[in-house]
C-alpha cells in the first residue's frame, strides 16, 4: 500500500460547508486517540467518542491500493469550510505479496491546516522509530515489534514489504504526507 487511502478518500469527499464545527485537536493527539489506541480496528474506531457528531460519508467506490483490496471501510468527516477539515478513513482489507494474501487494518487521518513537521516529530517520539523519506513527499515509519520493543525495518519501502518478516511477526507502519494542503497520517497493521 504505497498511496495513503485517506488521499483517495479526500478526492471523493465533498468539501461543502457543514454544520459541524472545525476540529480543535492537534492532528497527532486525535490520531493517537482514534487510530493508535484502537489498533485501527474498524468497530472501535467508528465507536470512538472523538468521532461523535462527525458526518458518516458513504464512498461510491473503494480507494485503489497497490497490491491489495479494501474489504470493509468507514469514513467520518468534520469540517467548516475549505480551510478547516478532519477526515478519518478506517478499513480492513488484504494485500497480496508473492501470491500470499495478507490481511490488514488501516486507520488514516487527514486534517487541514497541515503541520507536517510537528506530526513527524510526535510520531517519531511515540514510535521510537526513525522515519524514512520516500519519493513523492512520503515520510514512513516501518517497524517490527517483539516483547514491546520496536525495531525499524528500513528495507520496507511499502507496507506490503513488511510481509518479508517471518510469519507471526508483529509489524506496523505509519505514513505521513501533505497533499492539497491537508496533513495525511496513515496507520497500517498487516497481520503476518
Protein backbone atom coordinates (compact mmCIF):
# COMPACT_ATOMS: atom_id res chain seq x y z
CA UNK A 1 0.00 0.00 0.00
CA UNK A 2 2.02 2.97 -1.22
CA UNK A 3 -0.74 5.57 -1.63
CA UNK A 4 -2.46 6.60 1.55
CA UNK A 5 -6.13 5.61 1.49
CA UNK A 6 -7.07 8.96 3.00
CA UNK A 7 -5.65 10.74 -0.06
CA UNK A 8 -8.07 8.86 -2.30
CA UNK A 9 -10.90 9.48 0.15
CA UNK A 10 -10.23 13.24 0.20
CA UNK A 11 -10.72 13.33 -3.55
CA UNK A 12 -14.11 11.63 -3.16
CA UNK A 13 -15.48 13.67 -0.22
CA UNK A 14 -17.44 16.85 -0.82
CA UNK A 15 -15.87 19.85 0.89
CA UNK A 16 -19.07 21.90 1.07
CA UNK A 17 -19.67 23.64 4.43
CA UNK A 18 -21.23 21.51 7.16
CA UNK A 19 -22.95 22.28 10.43
CA UNK A 20 -20.17 20.66 12.46
CA UNK A 21 -17.50 22.87 13.97
CA UNK A 22 -13.91 22.68 12.83
CA UNK A 23 -11.75 20.18 14.73
CA UNK A 24 -9.80 21.77 17.57
CA UNK A 25 -7.49 18.85 18.40
CA UNK A 26 -3.88 18.72 17.29
CA UNK A 27 -3.51 16.15 14.49
CA UNK A 28 -1.30 13.70 16.38
CA UNK A 29 -3.44 13.85 19.52
CA UNK A 30 -6.58 12.98 17.56
CA UNK A 31 -4.68 10.35 15.52
CA UNK A 32 -3.39 8.75 18.72
CA UNK A 33 -6.84 8.56 20.31
CA UNK A 34 -8.76 7.45 17.21
CA UNK A 35 -6.27 5.30 15.29
CA UNK A 36 -3.40 4.19 17.53
CA UNK A 37 -5.31 3.46 20.74
CA UNK A 38 -7.88 1.40 18.81
CA UNK A 39 -5.25 -0.61 16.88
CA UNK A 40 -7.03 0.62 13.72
CA UNK A 41 -9.95 -1.70 14.44
CA UNK A 42 -12.95 -0.67 12.31
CA UNK A 43 -15.56 -1.14 15.05
CA UNK A 44 -13.51 0.55 17.75
CA UNK A 45 -12.60 3.50 15.52
CA UNK A 46 -16.17 4.18 14.40
CA UNK A 47 -17.37 3.92 18.03
CA UNK A 48 -14.70 6.35 19.26
CA UNK A 49 -16.16 9.17 21.38
CA UNK A 50 -13.85 11.54 19.47
CA UNK A 51 -15.92 10.94 16.32
CA UNK A 52 -19.31 11.60 17.93
CA UNK A 53 -21.21 14.06 15.78
CA UNK A 54 -18.97 13.61 12.74
CA UNK A 55 -20.66 13.01 9.38
CA UNK A 56 -20.73 9.44 8.04
CA UNK A 57 -19.74 9.72 4.38
CA UNK A 58 -20.50 6.75 2.13
CA UNK A 59 -17.99 6.22 -0.66
CA UNK A 60 -19.35 5.05 -4.01
CA UNK A 61 -16.20 3.01 -4.64
CA UNK A 62 -13.18 1.73 -2.76
CA UNK A 63 -9.92 3.69 -2.85
CA UNK A 64 -7.33 1.95 -5.01
CA UNK A 65 -4.39 0.48 -3.15
CA UNK A 66 -1.30 -1.07 -4.66
CA UNK A 67 -1.23 -4.87 -4.40
CA UNK A 68 -4.43 -5.15 -2.42
CA UNK A 69 -8.10 -4.50 -1.91
CA UNK A 70 -10.42 -3.00 0.67
CA UNK A 71 -12.95 -5.43 2.20
CA UNK A 72 -14.79 -3.06 4.56
CA UNK A 73 -14.48 0.65 5.30
CA UNK A 74 -15.95 3.70 7.01
CA UNK A 75 -15.39 7.42 6.57
CA UNK A 76 -16.14 10.17 9.09
CA UNK A 77 -15.77 13.88 8.31
CA UNK A 78 -15.89 17.04 10.37
CA UNK A 79 -15.32 20.38 8.68
CA UNK A 80 -16.14 24.04 8.47
CA UNK A 81 -15.47 25.40 5.01
CA UNK A 82 -12.41 24.56 2.94
CA UNK A 83 -9.80 25.76 5.43
CA UNK A 84 -10.62 23.55 8.45
CA UNK A 85 -11.18 19.85 7.85
CA UNK A 86 -10.70 16.49 9.55
CA UNK A 87 -11.43 13.16 7.92
CA UNK A 88 -10.97 9.66 9.32
CA UNK A 89 -10.86 6.68 6.97
CA UNK A 90 -10.76 3.24 8.55
CA UNK A 91 -10.63 -0.05 6.67
CA UNK A 92 -9.81 -3.69 6.72
CA UNK A 93 -8.54 -5.41 3.63
CA UNK A 94 -5.89 -7.66 2.22
CA UNK A 95 -2.57 -7.16 0.50
CA UNK A 96 -1.17 -9.64 -1.98
CA UNK A 97 2.53 -10.44 -1.81
CA UNK A 98 4.13 -13.30 -3.77
CA UNK A 99 0.71 -14.93 -4.21
CA UNK A 100 0.04 -14.74 -0.46
CA UNK A 101 -2.94 -12.80 0.92
CA UNK A 102 -2.09 -10.71 3.98
CA UNK A 103 -4.99 -9.24 5.99
CA UNK A 104 -4.51 -5.68 7.23
CA UNK A 105 -6.28 -2.94 9.13
CA UNK A 106 -5.79 0.74 8.42
CA UNK A 107 -6.82 3.99 10.07
CA UNK A 108 -5.99 7.26 8.34
CA UNK A 109 -6.49 10.84 9.42
CA UNK A 110 -6.50 13.86 7.14
CA UNK A 111 -6.51 17.36 8.68
CA UNK A 112 -6.40 20.92 7.48
CA UNK A 113 -4.44 23.00 8.20
CA UNK A 114 -1.30 20.87 7.85
CA UNK A 115 1.67 20.83 10.24
CA UNK A 116 3.82 18.03 8.86
CA UNK A 117 6.95 18.76 10.93
CA UNK A 118 5.05 18.54 14.22
CA UNK A 119 3.33 15.30 13.15
CA UNK A 120 6.61 13.64 12.13
CA UNK A 121 8.27 14.73 15.38
CA UNK A 122 5.39 13.44 17.53
CA UNK A 123 5.20 10.11 15.64
CA UNK A 124 8.94 9.63 15.98
CA UNK A 125 8.71 10.25 19.75
CA UNK A 126 5.68 7.94 20.10
CA UNK A 127 7.04 5.08 17.96
CA UNK A 128 10.73 5.27 18.83
CA UNK A 129 11.45 4.51 15.18
CA UNK A 130 13.45 6.64 12.76
CA UNK A 131 11.49 7.96 9.76
CA UNK A 132 12.35 7.20 6.15
CA UNK A 133 11.91 9.87 3.49
CA UNK A 134 10.46 8.20 0.41
CA UNK A 135 9.56 9.57 -3.04
CA UNK A 136 6.59 11.89 -3.58
CA UNK A 137 6.91 13.59 -0.20
CA UNK A 138 6.11 10.49 1.86
CA UNK A 139 7.67 10.04 5.30
CA UNK A 140 7.34 6.45 6.50
CA UNK A 141 7.84 4.75 9.85
CA UNK A 142 8.00 0.94 9.47
CA UNK A 143 8.73 -1.41 12.35
CA UNK A 144 8.51 -4.89 13.74
CA UNK A 145 7.75 -5.43 17.41
CA UNK A 146 8.78 -8.16 19.81
CA UNK A 147 8.28 -8.10 23.60
CA UNK A 148 7.24 -4.46 23.40
CA UNK A 149 10.44 -3.39 21.62
CA UNK A 150 10.09 -1.80 18.19
CA UNK A 151 12.79 -2.27 15.59
CA UNK A 152 12.90 -0.17 12.43
CA UNK A 153 12.52 -2.06 9.13
CA UNK A 154 14.31 0.28 6.69
CA UNK A 155 14.05 -2.21 3.82
CA UNK A 156 10.23 -1.90 3.85
CA UNK A 157 9.64 0.87 1.32
CA UNK A 158 5.97 -0.19 1.05
CA UNK A 159 3.68 -1.63 3.71
CA UNK A 160 3.49 -4.90 1.75
CA UNK A 161 7.30 -5.23 2.14
CA UNK A 162 6.67 -5.97 5.83
CA UNK A 163 5.39 -9.36 4.61
CA UNK A 164 9.05 -10.35 4.23
CA UNK A 165 9.22 -10.61 8.02
CA UNK A 166 8.77 -14.11 9.48
CA UNK A 167 5.18 -15.36 9.74
CA UNK A 168 3.63 -14.40 13.06
CA UNK A 169 5.76 -11.28 13.39
CA UNK A 170 4.11 -8.13 14.69
CA UNK A 171 4.66 -5.21 12.37
CA UNK A 172 3.13 -1.81 11.68
CA UNK A 173 3.55 1.29 9.60
CA UNK A 174 2.74 4.97 9.84
CA UNK A 175 2.94 7.14 6.73
CA UNK A 176 2.86 10.94 6.72
CA UNK A 177 2.27 13.17 3.73
CA UNK A 178 0.85 16.58 2.88
CA UNK A 179 -1.47 16.61 -0.11
CA UNK A 180 -3.58 19.58 -1.21
CA UNK A 181 -2.65 21.46 1.99
CA UNK A 182 -4.01 18.56 4.06
CA UNK A 183 -1.90 16.56 6.50
CA UNK A 184 -2.40 12.82 5.97
CA UNK A 185 -1.35 10.27 8.62
CA UNK A 186 -1.99 6.60 7.92
CA UNK A 187 -1.55 3.69 10.36
CA UNK A 188 -1.49 0.18 8.90
CA UNK A 189 -1.12 -3.13 10.71
CA UNK A 190 -0.55 -6.16 8.46
CA UNK A 191 -1.48 -9.49 10.07
CA UNK A 192 1.61 -11.58 9.22
